[in-house]
Amino acid sequence: TVYLYPMALSFIVTGTAWKWFLDPGIGLQ
């Protein structure tokens, strides 16, 4: 279920979440 859960999200949600995660100012860096 954990592995399949991302497929339940829309690509808009995925893109927005990863944009925040990869943003050098507020994300992983």
PDB file of all heavy atoms in Angstrom:
ATOM      1  N   THR A   1       0.829  -1.213   0.000  1.00  0.00           N
ATOM      2  CA  THR A   1       0.000   0.000   0.000  1.00  0.00           C
ATOM      3  C   THR A   1       0.859   1.259   0.000  1.00  0.00           C
ATOM      4  O   THR A   1       0.566   2.227  -0.710  1.00  0.00           O
ATOM      5  CB  THR A   1      -0.932   0.007   1.216  1.00  0.00           C
ATOM      6  OG1 THR A   1      -1.747  -1.165   1.196  1.00  0.00           O
ATOM      7  CG2 THR A   1      -1.815   1.243   1.217  1.00  0.00           C
ATOM      8  N   VAL A   2       1.953   1.221   0.782  1.00  0.00           N
ATOM      9  CA  VAL A   2       2.859   2.377   0.841  1.00  0.00           C
ATOM     10  C   VAL A   2       3.470   2.645  -0.528  1.00  0.00           C
ATOM     11  O   VAL A   2       3.554   3.797  -0.981  1.00  0.00           O
ATOM     12  CB  VAL A   2       3.962   2.139   1.893  1.00  0.00           C
ATOM     13  CG1 VAL A   2       5.051   3.212   1.785  1.00  0.00           C
ATOM     14  CG2 VAL A   2       3.372   2.135   3.292  1.00  0.00           C
ATOM     15  N   TYR A   3       3.891   1.584  -1.230  1.00  0.00           N
ATOM     16  CA  TYR A   3       4.497   1.750  -2.546  1.00  0.00           C
ATOM     17  C   TYR A   3       3.476   2.209  -3.587  1.00  0.00           C
ATOM     18  O   TYR A   3       3.819   2.935  -4.531  1.00  0.00           O
ATOM     19  CB  TYR A   3       5.143   0.440  -3.002  1.00  0.00           C
ATOM     20  CG  TYR A   3       6.426   0.105  -2.296  1.00  0.00           C
ATOM     21  CD1 TYR A   3       6.710  -1.206  -1.912  1.00  0.00           C
ATOM     22  CD2 TYR A   3       7.373   1.085  -2.019  1.00  0.00           C
ATOM     23  CE1 TYR A   3       7.902  -1.523  -1.263  1.00  0.00           C
ATOM     24  CE2 TYR A   3       8.553   0.781  -1.372  1.00  0.00           C
ATOM     25  CZ  TYR A   3       8.806  -0.521  -0.995  1.00  0.00           C
ATOM     26  OH  TYR A   3       9.988  -0.818  -0.360  1.00  0.00           O
ATOM     27  N   LEU A   4       2.232   1.763  -3.433  1.00  0.00           N
ATOM     28  CA  LEU A   4       1.205   2.113  -4.407  1.00  0.00           C
ATOM     29  C   LEU A   4       0.586   3.483  -4.155  1.00  0.00           C
ATOM     30  O   LEU A   4      -0.013   4.060  -5.061  1.00  0.00           O
ATOM     31  CB  LEU A   4       0.091   1.054  -4.403  1.00  0.00           C
ATOM     32  CG  LEU A   4       0.383  -0.245  -5.151  1.00  0.00           C
ATOM     33  CD1 LEU A   4      -0.722  -1.259  -4.891  1.00  0.00           C
ATOM     34  CD2 LEU A   4       0.513   0.013  -6.643  1.00  0.00           C
ATOM     35  N   TYR A   5       0.733   4.006  -2.938  1.00  0.00           N
ATOM     36  CA  TYR A   5       0.059   5.262  -2.585  1.00  0.00           C
ATOM     37  C   TYR A   5       0.400   6.426  -3.516  1.00  0.00           C
ATOM     38  O   TYR A   5      -0.502   7.181  -3.898  1.00  0.00           O
ATOM     39  CB  TYR A   5       0.387   5.638  -1.138  1.00  0.00           C
ATOM     40  CG  TYR A   5      -0.167   6.986  -0.742  1.00  0.00           C
ATOM     41  CD1 TYR A   5      -1.521   7.157  -0.509  1.00  0.00           C
ATOM     42  CD2 TYR A   5       0.668   8.103  -0.626  1.00  0.00           C
ATOM     43  CE1 TYR A   5      -2.034   8.391  -0.164  1.00  0.00           C
ATOM     44  CE2 TYR A   5       0.168   9.336  -0.287  1.00  0.00           C
ATOM     45  CZ  TYR A   5      -1.187   9.479  -0.048  1.00  0.00           C
ATOM     46  OH  TYR A   5      -1.694  10.700   0.279  1.00  0.00           O
ATOM     47  N   PRO A   6       1.668   6.618  -3.913  1.00  0.00           N
ATOM     48  CA  PRO A   6       1.954   7.769  -4.796  1.00  0.00           C
ATOM     49  C   PRO A   6       1.139   7.771  -6.081  1.00  0.00           C
ATOM     50  O   PRO A   6       0.832   8.838  -6.615  1.00  0.00           O
ATOM     51  CB  PRO A   6       3.452   7.609  -5.089  1.00  0.00           C
ATOM     52  CG  PRO A   6       3.985   6.885  -3.909  1.00  0.00           C
ATOM     53  CD  PRO A   6       2.909   5.930  -3.507  1.00  0.00           C
ATOM     54  N   MET A   7       0.756   6.587  -6.578  1.00  0.00           N
ATOM     55  CA  MET A   7      -0.020   6.530  -7.816  1.00  0.00           C
ATOM     56  C   MET A   7      -1.408   7.107  -7.627  1.00  0.00           C
ATOM     57  O   MET A   7      -2.060   7.491  -8.607  1.00  0.00           O
ATOM     58  CB  MET A   7      -0.096   5.078  -8.305  1.00  0.00           C
ATOM     59  CG  MET A   7      -0.500   4.937  -9.759  1.00  0.00           C
ATOM     60  SD  MET A   7       0.700   5.684 -10.878  1.00  0.00           S
ATOM     61  CE  MET A   7      -0.190   5.573 -12.430  1.00  0.00           C
ATOM     62  N   ALA A   8      -1.873   7.190  -6.377  1.00  0.00           N
ATOM     63  CA  ALA A   8      -3.191   7.757  -6.113  1.00  0.00           C
ATOM     64  C   ALA A   8      -3.176   9.284  -6.175  1.00  0.00           C
ATOM     65  O   ALA A   8      -4.236   9.910  -6.239  1.00  0.00           O
ATOM     66  CB  ALA A   8      -3.695   7.304  -4.746  1.00  0.00           C
ATOM     67  N   LEU A   9      -1.988   9.878  -6.163  1.00  0.00           N
ATOM     68  CA  LEU A   9      -1.867  11.324  -6.227  1.00  0.00           C
ATOM     69  C   LEU A   9      -1.864  11.786  -7.679  1.00  0.00           C
ATOM     70  O   LEU A   9      -1.454  11.066  -8.580  1.00  0.00           O
ATOM     71  CB  LEU A   9      -0.568  11.778  -5.556  1.00  0.00           C
ATOM     72  CG  LEU A   9      -0.362  11.380  -4.095  1.00  0.00           C
ATOM     73  CD1 LEU A   9       1.015  11.813  -3.637  1.00  0.00           C
ATOM     74  CD2 LEU A   9      -1.441  11.977  -3.203  1.00  0.00           C
ATOM     75  N   SER A  10      -2.325  12.998  -7.892  1.00  0.00           N
ATOM     76  CA  SER A  10      -2.233  13.572  -9.236  1.00  0.00           C
ATOM     77  C   SER A  10      -0.802  14.045  -9.478  1.00  0.00           C
ATOM     78  O   SER A  10      -0.035  14.297  -8.543  1.00  0.00           O
ATOM     79  CB  SER A  10      -3.201  14.757  -9.376  1.00  0.00           C
ATOM     80  OG  SER A  10      -2.740  15.867  -8.623  1.00  0.00           O
ATOM     81  N   PHE A  11      -0.433  14.170 -10.751  1.00  0.00           N
ATOM     82  CA  PHE A  11       0.908  14.636 -11.077  1.00  0.00           C
ATOM     83  C   PHE A  11       1.118  16.087 -10.652  1.00  0.00           C
ATOM     84  O   PHE A  11       2.252  16.496 -10.408  1.00  0.00           O
ATOM     85  CB  PHE A  11       1.166  14.473 -12.578  1.00  0.00           C
ATOM     86  CG  PHE A  11       1.533  13.084 -12.983  1.00  0.00           C
ATOM     87  CD1 PHE A  11       0.644  12.276 -13.662  1.00  0.00           C
ATOM     88  CD2 PHE A  11       2.776  12.574 -12.654  1.00  0.00           C
ATOM     89  CE1 PHE A  11       0.991  10.984 -14.027  1.00  0.00           C
ATOM     90  CE2 PHE A  11       3.141  11.282 -13.008  1.00  0.00           C
ATOM     91  CZ  PHE A  11       2.235  10.483 -13.702  1.00  0.00           C
ATOM     92  N   ILE A  12       0.046  16.850 -10.555  1.00  0.00           N
ATOM     93  CA  ILE A  12       0.170  18.224 -10.059  1.00  0.00           C
ATOM     94  C   ILE A  12       0.637  18.226  -8.613  1.00  0.00           C
ATOM     95  O   ILE A  12       1.538  18.988  -8.222  1.00  0.00           O
ATOM     96  CB  ILE A  12      -1.183  18.959 -10.191  1.00  0.00           C
ATOM     97  CG1 ILE A  12      -1.525  19.207 -11.661  1.00  0.00           C
ATOM     98  CG2 ILE A  12      -1.145  20.287  -9.426  1.00  0.00           C
ATOM     99  CD1 ILE A  12      -0.641  20.206 -12.358  1.00  0.00           C
ATOM    100  N   VAL A  13       0.025  17.367  -7.791  1.00  0.00           N
ATOM    101  CA  VAL A  13       0.416  17.265  -6.378  1.00  0.00           C
ATOM    102  C   VAL A  13       1.849  16.776  -6.269  1.00  0.00           C
ATOM    103  O   VAL A  13       2.658  17.316  -5.492  1.00  0.00           O
ATOM    104  CB  VAL A  13      -0.548  16.327  -5.628  1.00  0.00           C
ATOM    105  CG1 VAL A  13      -0.064  16.106  -4.201  1.00  0.00           C
ATOM    106  CG2 VAL A  13      -1.959  16.895  -5.631  1.00  0.00           C
ATOM    107  N   THR A  14       2.197  15.750  -7.047  1.00  0.00           N
ATOM    108  CA  THR A  14       3.560  15.220  -7.027  1.00  0.00           C
ATOM    109  C   THR A  14       4.570  16.287  -7.433  1.00  0.00           C
ATOM    110  O   THR A  14       5.604  16.467  -6.780  1.00  0.00           O
ATOM    111  CB  THR A  14       3.672  14.017  -7.979  1.00  0.00           C
ATOM    112  OG1 THR A  14       2.801  12.979  -7.529  1.00  0.00           O
ATOM    113  CG2 THR A  14       5.102  13.492  -8.016  1.00  0.00           C
ATOM    114  N   GLY A  15       4.278  17.005  -8.525  1.00  0.00           N
ATOM    115  CA  GLY A  15       5.196  18.043  -8.979  1.00  0.00           C
ATOM    116  C   GLY A  15       5.380  19.147  -7.968  1.00  0.00           C
ATOM    117  O   GLY A  15       6.502  19.624  -7.738  1.00  0.00           O
ATOM    118  N   THR A  16       4.283  19.569  -7.337  1.00  0.00           N
ATOM    119  CA  THR A  16       4.365  20.632  -6.335  1.00  0.00           C
ATOM    120  C   THR A  16       5.170  20.188  -5.119  1.00  0.00           C
ATOM    121  O   THR A  16       6.016  20.935  -4.608  1.00  0.00           O
ATOM    122  CB  THR A  16       2.955  21.060  -5.888  1.00  0.00           C
ATOM    123  OG1 THR A  16       2.209  21.478  -7.038  1.00  0.00           O
ATOM    124  CG2 THR A  16       3.015  22.191  -4.883  1.00  0.00           C
ATOM    125  N   ALA A  17       4.919  18.953  -4.650  1.00  0.00           N
ATOM    126  CA  ALA A  17       5.643  18.438  -3.487  1.00  0.00           C
ATOM    127  C   ALA A  17       7.140  18.327  -3.763  1.00  0.00           C
ATOM    128  O   ALA A  17       7.970  18.731  -2.932  1.00  0.00           O
ATOM    129  CB  ALA A  17       5.070  17.081  -3.084  1.00  0.00           C
ATOM    130  N   TRP A  18       7.495  17.791  -4.931  1.00  0.00           N
ATOM    131  CA  TRP A  18       8.910  17.658  -5.261  1.00  0.00           C
ATOM    132  C   TRP A  18       9.562  19.013  -5.548  1.00  0.00           C
ATOM    133  O   TRP A  18      10.767  19.183  -5.331  1.00  0.00           O
ATOM    134  CB  TRP A  18       9.089  16.714  -6.446  1.00  0.00           C
ATOM    135  CG  TRP A  18       9.074  15.279  -6.030  1.00  0.00           C
ATOM    136  CD1 TRP A  18       8.007  14.432  -5.989  1.00  0.00           C
ATOM    137  CD2 TRP A  18      10.196  14.526  -5.549  1.00  0.00           C
ATOM    138  NE1 TRP A  18       8.383  13.209  -5.522  1.00  0.00           N
ATOM    139  CE2 TRP A  18       9.730  13.225  -5.254  1.00  0.00           C
ATOM    140  CE3 TRP A  18      11.541  14.815  -5.366  1.00  0.00           C
ATOM    141  CZ2 TRP A  18      10.567  12.232  -4.767  1.00  0.00           C
ATOM    142  CZ3 TRP A  18      12.381  13.823  -4.881  1.00  0.00           C
ATOM    143  CH2 TRP A  18      11.898  12.550  -4.586  1.00  0.00           C
ATOM    144  N   LYS A  19       8.792  19.960  -6.016  1.00  0.00           N
ATOM    145  CA  LYS A  19       9.336  21.312  -6.214  1.00  0.00           C
ATOM    146  C   LYS A  19       9.759  21.910  -4.882  1.00  0.00           C
ATOM    147  O   LYS A  19      10.828  22.518  -4.767  1.00  0.00           O
ATOM    148  CB  LYS A  19       8.284  22.197  -6.881  1.00  0.00           C
ATOM    149  CG  LYS A  19       8.762  23.619  -7.152  1.00  0.00           C
ATOM    150  CD  LYS A  19       7.682  24.427  -7.837  1.00  0.00           C
ATOM    151  CE  LYS A  19       8.160  25.842  -8.135  1.00  0.00           C
ATOM    152  NZ  LYS A  19       7.100  26.640  -8.818  1.00  0.00           N
ATOM    153  N   TRP A  20       8.926  21.740  -3.857  1.00  0.00           N
ATOM    154  CA  TRP A  20       9.295  22.215  -2.521  1.00  0.00           C
ATOM    155  C   TRP A  20      10.494  21.440  -1.977  1.00  0.00           C
ATOM    156  O   TRP A  20      11.402  22.015  -1.384  1.00  0.00           O
ATOM    157  CB  TRP A  20       8.114  22.065  -1.564  1.00  0.00           C
ATOM    158  CG  TRP A  20       6.956  22.939  -1.895  1.00  0.00           C
ATOM    159  CD1 TRP A  20       6.954  24.068  -2.668  1.00  0.00           C
ATOM    160  CD2 TRP A  20       5.599  22.761  -1.461  1.00  0.00           C
ATOM    161  NE1 TRP A  20       5.695  24.604  -2.750  1.00  0.00           N
ATOM    162  CE2 TRP A  20       4.837  23.827  -2.008  1.00  0.00           C
ATOM    163  CE3 TRP A  20       4.949  21.816  -0.675  1.00  0.00           C
ATOM    164  CZ2 TRP A  20       3.476  23.965  -1.788  1.00  0.00           C
ATOM    165  CZ3 TRP A  20       3.588  21.948  -0.437  1.00  0.00           C
ATOM    166  CH2 TRP A  20       2.853  23.019  -0.983  1.00  0.00           C
ATOM    167  N   PHE A  21      10.487  20.126  -2.177  1.00  0.00           N
ATOM    168  CA  PHE A  21      11.552  19.283  -1.632  1.00  0.00           C
ATOM    169  C   PHE A  21      12.901  19.614  -2.260  1.00  0.00           C
ATOM    170  O   PHE A  21      13.930  19.579  -1.582  1.00  0.00           O
ATOM    171  CB  PHE A  21      11.197  17.813  -1.865  1.00  0.00           C
ATOM    172  CG  PHE A  21      12.216  16.851  -1.333  1.00  0.00           C
ATOM    173  CD1 PHE A  21      12.324  16.605   0.031  1.00  0.00           C
ATOM    174  CD2 PHE A  21      13.082  16.184  -2.194  1.00  0.00           C
ATOM    175  CE1 PHE A  21      13.276  15.721   0.525  1.00  0.00           C
ATOM    176  CE2 PHE A  21      14.033  15.298  -1.709  1.00  0.00           C
ATOM    177  CZ  PHE A  21      14.134  15.067  -0.340  1.00  0.00           C
ATOM    178  N   LEU A  22      12.906  19.924  -3.573  1.00  0.00           N
ATOM    179  CA  LEU A  22      14.158  20.171  -4.280  1.00  0.00           C
ATOM    180  C   LEU A  22      14.569  21.642  -4.303  1.00  0.00           C
ATOM    181  O   LEU A  22      15.660  21.962  -4.786  1.00  0.00           O
ATOM    182  CB  LEU A  22      14.039  19.653  -5.720  1.00  0.00           C
ATOM    183  CG  LEU A  22      13.828  18.140  -5.874  1.00  0.00           C
ATOM    184  CD1 LEU A  22      13.575  17.792  -7.339  1.00  0.00           C
ATOM    185  CD2 LEU A  22      15.021  17.362  -5.343  1.00  0.00           C
ATOM    186  N   ASP A  23      13.711  22.520  -3.828  1.00  0.00           N
ATOM    187  CA  ASP A  23      14.044  23.948  -3.804  1.00  0.00           C
ATOM    188  C   ASP A  23      15.223  24.185  -2.862  1.00  0.00           C
ATOM    189  O   ASP A  23      15.161  23.839  -1.675  1.00  0.00           O
ATOM    190  CB  ASP A  23      12.839  24.766  -3.336  1.00  0.00           C
ATOM    191  CG  ASP A  23      13.049  26.254  -3.532  1.00  0.00           C
ATOM    192  OD1 ASP A  23      14.058  26.798  -3.023  1.00  0.00           O
ATOM    193  OD2 ASP A  23      12.206  26.891  -4.189  1.00  0.00           O
ATOM    194  N   PRO A  24      16.331  24.768  -3.354  1.00  0.00           N
ATOM    195  CA  PRO A  24      17.508  24.960  -2.491  1.00  0.00           C
ATOM    196  C   PRO A  24      17.240  25.828  -1.269  1.00  0.00           C
ATOM    197  O   PRO A  24      17.921  25.689  -0.248  1.00  0.00           O
ATOM    198  CB  PRO A  24      18.517  25.631  -3.431  1.00  0.00           C
ATOM    199  CG  PRO A  24      18.065  25.280  -4.804  1.00  0.00           C
ATOM    200  CD  PRO A  24      16.571  25.198  -4.740  1.00  0.00           C
ATOM    201  N   GLY A  25      16.248  26.722  -1.359  1.00  0.00           N
ATOM    202  CA  GLY A  25      15.997  27.628  -0.249  1.00  0.00           C
ATOM    203  C   GLY A  25      15.198  27.033   0.887  1.00  0.00           C
ATOM    204  O   GLY A  25      15.375  27.429   2.048  1.00  0.00           O
ATOM    205  N   ILE A  26      14.311  26.080   0.586  1.00  0.00           N
ATOM    206  CA  ILE A  26      13.435  25.538   1.636  1.00  0.00           C
ATOM    207  C   ILE A  26      13.437  24.005   1.680  1.00  0.00           C
ATOM    208  O   ILE A  26      12.847  23.416   2.597  1.00  0.00           O
ATOM    209  CB  ILE A  26      11.980  26.019   1.445  1.00  0.00           C
ATOM    210  CG1 ILE A  26      11.446  25.536   0.084  1.00  0.00           C
ATOM    211  CG2 ILE A  26      11.900  27.530   1.563  1.00  0.00           C
ATOM    212  CD1 ILE A  26       9.975  25.855  -0.125  1.00  0.00           C
ATOM    213  N   GLY A  27      14.086  23.364   0.740  1.00  0.00           N
ATOM    214  CA  GLY A  27      13.991  21.914   0.628  1.00  0.00           C
ATOM    215  C   GLY A  27      15.162  21.166   1.213  1.00  0.00           C
ATOM    216  O   GLY A  27      15.703  21.533   2.271  1.00  0.00           O
ATOM    217  N   LEU A  28      15.574  20.109   0.501  1.00  0.00           N
ATOM    218  CA  LEU A  28      16.603  19.202   0.990  1.00  0.00           C
ATOM    219  C   LEU A  28      17.899  19.924   1.314  1.00  0.00           C
ATOM    220  O   LEU A  28      18.504  19.709   2.378  1.00  0.00           O
ATOM    221  CB  LEU A  28      16.849  18.118  -0.067  1.00  0.00           C
ATOM    222  CG  LEU A  28      17.955  17.112   0.242  1.00  0.00           C
ATOM    223  CD1 LEU A  28      17.600  16.275   1.463  1.00  0.00           C
ATOM    224  CD2 LEU A  28      18.208  16.213  -0.965  1.00  0.00           C
ATOM    225  N   GLN A  29      18.352  20.798   0.426  1.00  0.00           N
ATOM    226  CA  GLN A  29      19.624  21.494   0.639  1.00  0.00           C
ATOM    227  C   GLN A  29      19.580  22.338   1.900  1.00  0.00           C
ATOM    228  O   GLN A  29      20.516  22.315   2.709  1.00  0.00           O
ATOM    229  CB  GLN A  29      19.949  22.367  -0.571  1.00  0.00           C
ATOM    230  CG  GLN A  29      21.212  23.203  -0.398  1.00  0.00           C
ATOM    231  CD  GLN A  29      21.544  24.012  -1.642  1.00  0.00           C
ATOM    232  OE1 GLN A  29      21.696  23.454  -2.722  1.00  0.00           O
ATOM    233  NE2 GLN A  29      21.649  25.319  -1.495  1.00  0.00           N
TER     234      GLN A  29
END
